[in-house]
C-alpha atoms as a PDB file:
ATOM      1  CA  UNK A   1     -24.325  19.537  -1.726  1.00  0.00           C
ATOM      2  CA  UNK A   2     -22.837  22.157  -4.026  1.00  0.00           C
ATOM      3  CA  UNK A   3     -19.538  22.150  -2.114  1.00  0.00           C
ATOM      4  CA  UNK A   4     -19.262  18.356  -2.466  1.00  0.00           C
ATOM      5  CA  UNK A   5     -19.857  18.644  -6.209  1.00  0.00           C
ATOM      6  CA  UNK A   6     -17.133  21.299  -6.553  1.00  0.00           C
ATOM      7  CA  UNK A   7     -14.688  19.226  -4.495  1.00  0.00           C
ATOM      8  CA  UNK A   8     -15.396  16.194  -6.678  1.00  0.00           C
ATOM      9  CA  UNK A   9     -14.844  18.233  -9.820  1.00  0.00           C
ATOM     10  CA  UNK A  10     -11.614  19.676  -8.395  1.00  0.00           C
ATOM     11  CA  UNK A  11     -10.388  16.166  -7.572  1.00  0.00           C
ATOM     12  CA  UNK A  12     -11.209  14.943 -11.080  1.00  0.00           C
ATOM     13  CA  UNK A  13      -9.385  17.858 -12.720  1.00  0.00           C
ATOM     14  CA  UNK A  14      -6.384  17.424 -10.385  1.00  0.00           C
ATOM     15  CA  UNK A  15      -6.078  13.746 -11.262  1.00  0.00           C
ATOM     16  CA  UNK A  16      -6.294  14.574 -14.958  1.00  0.00           C
ATOM     17  CA  UNK A  17      -3.596  17.214 -14.721  1.00  0.00           C
ATOM     18  CA  UNK A  18      -1.292  15.141 -12.529  1.00  0.00           C
ATOM     19  CA  UNK A  19      -1.623  12.041 -14.698  1.00  0.00           C
ATOM     20  CA  UNK A  20       0.516  13.763 -17.315  1.00  0.00           C
ATOM     21  CA  UNK A  21       3.354  14.295 -14.826  1.00  0.00           C
ATOM     22  CA  UNK A  22       6.184  11.829 -14.460  1.00  0.00           C
ATOM     23  CA  UNK A  23       7.604  12.087 -10.972  1.00  0.00           C
ATOM     24  CA  UNK A  24       9.802   9.449  -9.391  1.00  0.00           C
ATOM     25  CA  UNK A  25       8.839   8.359  -5.876  1.00  0.00           C
ATOM     26  CA  UNK A  26      11.082   5.584  -4.602  1.00  0.00           C
ATOM     27  CA  UNK A  27      11.062   2.900  -7.287  1.00  0.00           C
ATOM     28  CA  UNK A  28       7.695   4.007  -8.699  1.00  0.00           C
ATOM     29  CA  UNK A  29       7.256   6.421 -11.585  1.00  0.00           C
ATOM     30  CA  UNK A  30       4.094   8.392 -11.019  1.00  0.00           C
ATOM     31  CA  UNK A  31       2.309   9.110 -14.280  1.00  0.00           C
ATOM     32  CA  UNK A  32       4.202   6.536 -16.354  1.00  0.00           C
ATOM     33  CA  UNK A  33       2.765   3.233 -15.188  1.00  0.00           C
ATOM     34  CA  UNK A  34       3.789   0.543 -17.674  1.00  0.00           C
ATOM     35  CA  UNK A  35       1.577  -2.164 -16.183  1.00  0.00           C
ATOM     36  CA  UNK A  36      -1.272  -3.499 -18.285  1.00  0.00           C
ATOM     37  CA  UNK A  37      -4.840  -3.009 -17.164  1.00  0.00           C
ATOM     38  CA  UNK A  38      -4.916  -6.626 -15.960  1.00  0.00           C
ATOM     39  CA  UNK A  39      -1.724  -6.153 -13.910  1.00  0.00           C
ATOM     40  CA  UNK A  40      -3.065  -2.970 -12.321  1.00  0.00           C
ATOM     41  CA  UNK A  41      -6.336  -4.722 -11.547  1.00  0.00           C
ATOM     42  CA  UNK A  42      -4.476  -7.672  -9.999  1.00  0.00           C
ATOM     43  CA  UNK A  43      -2.398  -5.322  -7.836  1.00  0.00           C
ATOM     44  CA  UNK A  44      -5.532  -3.431  -6.754  1.00  0.00           C
ATOM     45  CA  UNK A  45      -7.183  -6.734  -5.872  1.00  0.00           C
ATOM     46  CA  UNK A  46      -4.202  -7.732  -3.712  1.00  0.00           C
ATOM     47  CA  UNK A  47      -4.256  -4.366  -1.925  1.00  0.00           C
ATOM     48  CA  UNK A  48      -8.002  -4.654  -1.364  1.00  0.00           C
ATOM     49  CA  UNK A  49      -7.797  -8.180   0.039  1.00  0.00           C
ATOM     50  CA  UNK A  50      -5.013  -7.204   2.472  1.00  0.00           C
ATOM     51  CA  UNK A  51      -6.895  -4.105   3.645  1.00  0.00           C
ATOM     52  CA  UNK A  52     -10.041  -6.181   4.102  1.00  0.00           C
ATOM     53  CA  UNK A  53      -8.109  -8.740   6.163  1.00  0.00           C
ATOM     54  CA  UNK A  54      -6.706  -5.897   8.296  1.00  0.00           C
ATOM     55  CA  UNK A  55     -10.228  -4.631   8.970  1.00  0.00           C
ATOM     56  CA  UNK A  56     -11.264  -8.054  10.234  1.00  0.00           C
ATOM     57  CA  UNK A  57      -8.211  -8.449  12.484  1.00  0.00           C
ATOM     58  CA  UNK A  58      -8.502  -7.098  16.031  1.00  0.00           C
ATOM     59  CA  UNK A  59      -4.756  -6.581  16.402  1.00  0.00           C
ATOM     60  CA  UNK A  60      -4.314  -4.367  13.325  1.00  0.00           C
ATOM     61  CA  UNK A  61      -5.104  -0.637  13.389  1.00  0.00           C
ATOM     62  CA  UNK A  62      -5.888  -0.233   9.684  1.00  0.00           C
ATOM     63  CA  UNK A  63      -5.738   3.546   9.542  1.00  0.00           C
ATOM     64  CA  UNK A  64      -2.065   3.474  10.488  1.00  0.00           C
ATOM     65  CA  UNK A  65      -0.908   1.090   7.745  1.00  0.00           C
ATOM     66  CA  UNK A  66      -0.771   2.013   4.070  1.00  0.00           C
ATOM     67  CA  UNK A  67      -0.686  -0.931   1.646  1.00  0.00           C
ATOM     68  CA  UNK A  68       0.764  -0.467  -1.858  1.00  0.00           C
ATOM     69  CA  UNK A  69       1.120  -3.232  -4.445  1.00  0.00           C
ATOM     70  CA  UNK A  70       3.253  -3.147  -7.580  1.00  0.00           C
ATOM     71  CA  UNK A  71       3.633  -6.310  -9.698  1.00  0.00           C
ATOM     72  CA  UNK A  72       2.674  -8.468  -6.705  1.00  0.00           C
ATOM     73  CA  UNK A  73       5.217  -6.844  -4.378  1.00  0.00           C
ATOM     74  CA  UNK A  74       3.463  -5.373  -1.351  1.00  0.00           C
ATOM     75  CA  UNK A  75       4.941  -2.393   0.482  1.00  0.00           C
ATOM     76  CA  UNK A  76       3.662  -1.608   3.968  1.00  0.00           C
ATOM     77  CA  UNK A  77       4.137   1.917   5.308  1.00  0.00           C
ATOM     78  CA  UNK A  78       2.946   3.320   8.596  1.00  0.00           C
ATOM     79  CA  UNK A  79       3.146   3.280  12.347  1.00  0.00           C
ATOM     80  CA  UNK A  80       2.236   0.323  14.540  1.00  0.00           C
ATOM     81  CA  UNK A  81       1.975   0.109  18.324  1.00  0.00           C
ATOM     82  CA  UNK A  82       4.290  -2.857  18.861  1.00  0.00           C
ATOM     83  CA  UNK A  83       6.251  -5.654  17.190  1.00  0.00           C
ATOM     84  CA  UNK A  84       3.293  -8.030  17.493  1.00  0.00           C
ATOM     85  CA  UNK A  85       1.119  -5.753  15.352  1.00  0.00           C
ATOM     86  CA  UNK A  86       3.915  -5.335  12.769  1.00  0.00           C
ATOM     87  CA  UNK A  87       4.469  -9.093  12.570  1.00  0.00           C
ATOM     88  CA  UNK A  88       0.744  -9.739  12.188  1.00  0.00           C
ATOM     89  CA  UNK A  89       0.451  -7.131   9.403  1.00  0.00           C
ATOM     90  CA  UNK A  90       3.396  -8.689   7.542  1.00  0.00           C
ATOM     91  CA  UNK A  91       2.023 -12.223   7.959  1.00  0.00           C
ATOM     92  CA  UNK A  92      -1.395 -11.206   6.626  1.00  0.00           C
ATOM     93  CA  UNK A  93       0.231  -9.564   3.597  1.00  0.00           C
ATOM     94  CA  UNK A  94       2.459 -12.604   2.939  1.00  0.00           C
ATOM     95  CA  UNK A  95      -0.562 -14.934   3.131  1.00  0.00           C
ATOM     96  CA  UNK A  96      -2.513 -12.956   0.520  1.00  0.00           C
ATOM     97  CA  UNK A  97      -2.920 -14.673  -2.818  1.00  0.00           C
ATOM     98  CA  UNK A  98      -0.530 -13.649  -5.638  1.00  0.00           C
ATOM     99  CA  UNK A  99       1.856 -11.774  -3.300  1.00  0.00           C
ATOM    100  CA  UNK A 100       5.496 -12.475  -4.209  1.00  0.00           C
ATOM    101  CA  UNK A 101       7.153 -10.515  -1.405  1.00  0.00           C
ATOM    102  CA  UNK A 102       6.466  -7.900   1.250  1.00  0.00           C
ATOM    103  CA  UNK A 103       8.591  -4.839   1.954  1.00  0.00           C
ATOM    104  CA  UNK A 104       7.942  -3.547   5.449  1.00  0.00           C
ATOM    105  CA  UNK A 105       8.549   0.111   6.150  1.00  0.00           C
ATOM    106  CA  UNK A 106       6.486  -0.170   9.315  1.00  0.00           C
ATOM    107  CA  UNK A 107       7.770   1.823  12.252  1.00  0.00           C
ATOM    108  CA  UNK A 108       7.021   0.792  15.797  1.00  0.00           C
ATOM    109  CA  UNK A 109       5.781   3.792  17.712  1.00  0.00           C
ATOM    110  CA  UNK A 110       8.693   5.612  19.379  1.00  0.00           C
ATOM    111  CA  UNK A 111      11.328   3.468  17.600  1.00  0.00           C
ATOM    112  CA  UNK A 112      13.333   4.140  14.460  1.00  0.00           C
ATOM    113  CA  UNK A 113      13.738   1.682  11.584  1.00  0.00           C
ATOM    114  CA  UNK A 114      16.093   1.350   8.656  1.00  0.00           C
ATOM    115  CA  UNK A 115      15.278   3.675   5.744  1.00  0.00           C
ATOM    116  CA  UNK A 116      15.313   0.740   3.329  1.00  0.00           C
ATOM    117  CA  UNK A 117      12.777  -1.265   5.279  1.00  0.00           C
ATOM    118  CA  UNK A 118      12.785  -5.011   5.681  1.00  0.00           C
ATOM    119  CA  UNK A 119      12.053  -7.405   2.792  1.00  0.00           C
ATOM    120  CA  UNK A 120      10.161 -10.644   3.389  1.00  0.00           C
ATOM    121  CA  UNK A 121      10.013 -13.232   0.620  1.00  0.00           C
ATOM    122  CA  UNK A 122       7.092 -15.583   0.329  1.00  0.00           C
ATOM    123  CA  UNK A 123       7.828 -19.234   1.037  1.00  0.00           C
ATOM    124  CA  UNK A 124       7.327 -21.479  -2.039  1.00  0.00           C
END
């Protein structure tokens, strides 16, 4: 019980300290998010709905796919077992409400993929 409380406090302090940092990761600037609260909430809602859909799908192994959303653009990172799983993950993300495009950085187990990933635009 005490250890859990200390770990929670350590996590809270770490987040507070790191929130003042401005590190660039890919196209994201950690610590300098210019999105409004509503935009961040919308992006979190998109991420949640995609993760929930992955949990319900028998073909998707959710712990191997990381879903990030930024201004409605979904980026998928992780390892999948085969092309069928990758295609299903991309299709689920594209079908989510308010998604404008999906960037797939999914790697099929034992195969390499382009460093830039593959971009899928949503059909109008």
